[in-house]
Amino acid sequence: RATLVSLAKLGRPYVNWLYSFNGIRSLLTKSGFSRVDLYMCFPDYRLPERIIPYTHSLSGLPLFISSKNVNGKRTIKRTFARLAEFIIFRVLKAKSLSPSIIAIGHK
């Protein structure tokens, strides 16, 4: 549906751009913001349950993904998701793989 609207209005398909933390910082800096504060959001930016400054260490924070589903049952899928979260954020310390980003630009 978005592609149809984009084709009608812009004459090109809809493109969903994805940016890294540095990419967002660069865009906002080039747009005239003198300071940009970046935050990691879990599970996403629309309804964040946890907002953590990008400069903050992840080592002391509890894991976000539960190994139990909404019914309280432990599942293999959720257990692997929790393990992946542990490896990505605790072992590899890969903050750049945060599910979502919130950026605040200051003039």
Protein backbone atom coordinates (compact mmCIF):
# COMPACT_ATOMS: atom_id res chain seq x y z
CA ARG A 1 0.00 0.00 0.00
CA ALA A 2 2.82 2.43 0.87
CA THR A 3 4.49 1.64 -2.45
CA LEU A 4 1.30 2.55 -4.35
CA VAL A 5 1.03 5.91 -2.55
CA SER A 6 4.73 6.60 -3.10
CA LEU A 7 4.50 5.70 -6.79
CA ALA A 8 1.47 7.98 -7.23
CA LYS A 9 2.95 10.95 -5.33
CA LEU A 10 6.70 10.62 -5.91
CA GLY A 11 6.95 8.41 -8.97
CA ARG A 12 9.14 5.88 -7.14
CA PRO A 13 8.61 2.87 -4.85
CA TYR A 14 8.44 3.32 -1.09
CA VAL A 15 11.79 2.91 0.63
CA ASN A 16 12.15 2.21 4.33
CA TRP A 17 15.52 3.62 5.40
CA LEU A 18 17.44 2.02 8.25
CA TYR A 19 20.18 3.94 10.04
CA SER A 20 22.85 3.04 12.55
CA PHE A 21 23.47 5.07 15.69
CA ASN A 22 26.30 6.91 13.91
CA GLY A 23 24.13 7.41 10.83
CA ILE A 24 21.37 9.05 12.85
CA ARG A 25 23.88 11.22 14.70
CA SER A 26 25.36 12.31 11.36
CA LEU A 27 21.95 13.12 9.84
CA LEU A 28 20.92 15.23 12.81
CA THR A 29 24.28 16.99 13.04
CA LYS A 30 24.12 17.84 9.31
CA SER A 31 20.58 19.14 9.93
CA GLY A 32 21.92 21.73 12.36
CA PHE A 33 21.62 20.09 15.76
CA SER A 34 24.61 20.91 17.94
CA ARG A 35 24.16 17.92 20.25
CA VAL A 36 22.49 14.56 19.67
CA ASP A 37 21.58 12.20 22.50
CA LEU A 38 21.07 8.58 21.44
CA TYR A 39 19.12 5.90 23.29
CA MET A 40 18.61 2.15 22.85
CA CYS A 41 14.95 1.10 23.08
CA PHE A 42 13.55 -2.26 24.06
CA PRO A 43 11.44 -3.79 22.61
CA ASP A 44 10.88 -0.92 20.12
CA TYR A 45 10.57 2.86 19.83
CA ARG A 46 6.77 2.90 19.51
CA LEU A 47 6.06 1.43 22.94
CA PRO A 48 9.42 1.32 24.69
CA GLU A 49 9.52 -0.51 27.98
CA ARG A 50 13.18 0.26 28.51
CA ILE A 51 15.10 3.32 27.25
CA ILE A 52 18.83 3.21 27.88
CA PRO A 53 21.40 5.86 26.94
CA TYR A 54 23.68 4.55 24.18
CA THR A 55 26.69 5.50 26.30
CA HIS A 56 25.45 3.35 29.21
CA SER A 57 26.92 -0.07 29.96
CA LEU A 58 24.60 -3.03 29.43
CA SER A 59 26.39 -5.29 31.91
CA GLY A 60 24.25 -4.54 34.97
CA LEU A 61 20.85 -4.44 33.29
CA PRO A 62 18.45 -7.37 33.46
CA LEU A 63 17.68 -9.20 30.24
CA PHE A 64 14.54 -8.03 28.50
CA ILE A 65 13.32 -11.24 26.84
CA SER A 66 11.69 -13.76 29.14
CA SER A 67 12.11 -17.48 28.52
CA LYS A 68 8.39 -17.87 29.34
CA ASN A 69 5.48 -16.95 27.11
CA VAL A 70 2.42 -14.92 28.16
CA ASN A 71 0.89 -18.08 29.66
CA GLY A 72 3.92 -18.58 31.90
CA LYS A 73 5.17 -21.62 29.98
CA ARG A 74 8.85 -21.94 29.14
CA THR A 75 9.29 -22.43 25.39
CA ILE A 76 12.29 -23.37 23.27
CA LYS A 77 11.76 -20.36 20.99
CA ARG A 78 11.76 -17.88 23.89
CA THR A 79 14.67 -19.64 25.59
CA PHE A 80 16.76 -19.28 22.41
CA ALA A 81 15.66 -15.65 22.04
CA ARG A 82 16.79 -14.95 25.62
CA LEU A 83 20.09 -16.72 24.96
CA ALA A 84 20.59 -14.68 21.76
CA GLU A 85 19.89 -11.47 23.70
CA PHE A 86 22.44 -12.51 26.33
CA ILE A 87 25.11 -13.26 23.72
CA ILE A 88 24.46 -10.10 21.66
CA PHE A 89 24.29 -7.60 24.51
CA ARG A 90 26.27 -9.17 27.36
CA VAL A 91 28.96 -11.26 25.71
CA LEU A 92 29.51 -9.31 22.48
CA LYS A 93 28.42 -5.96 23.98
CA ALA A 94 26.90 -5.15 20.57
CA LYS A 95 24.84 -2.11 21.48
CA SER A 96 24.61 -1.26 17.79
CA LEU A 97 22.19 -4.21 17.44
CA SER A 98 19.64 -2.54 19.70
CA PRO A 99 16.11 -3.22 18.39
CA SER A 100 15.27 0.48 18.11
CA ILE A 101 16.79 3.92 18.51
CA ILE A 102 15.48 7.16 19.97
CA ALA A 103 17.44 10.31 19.10
CA ILE A 104 17.02 13.71 20.71
CA GLY A 105 18.59 16.63 18.87
CA HIS A 106 19.43 19.87 20.67
CA LYS A 107 19.84 23.18 18.83
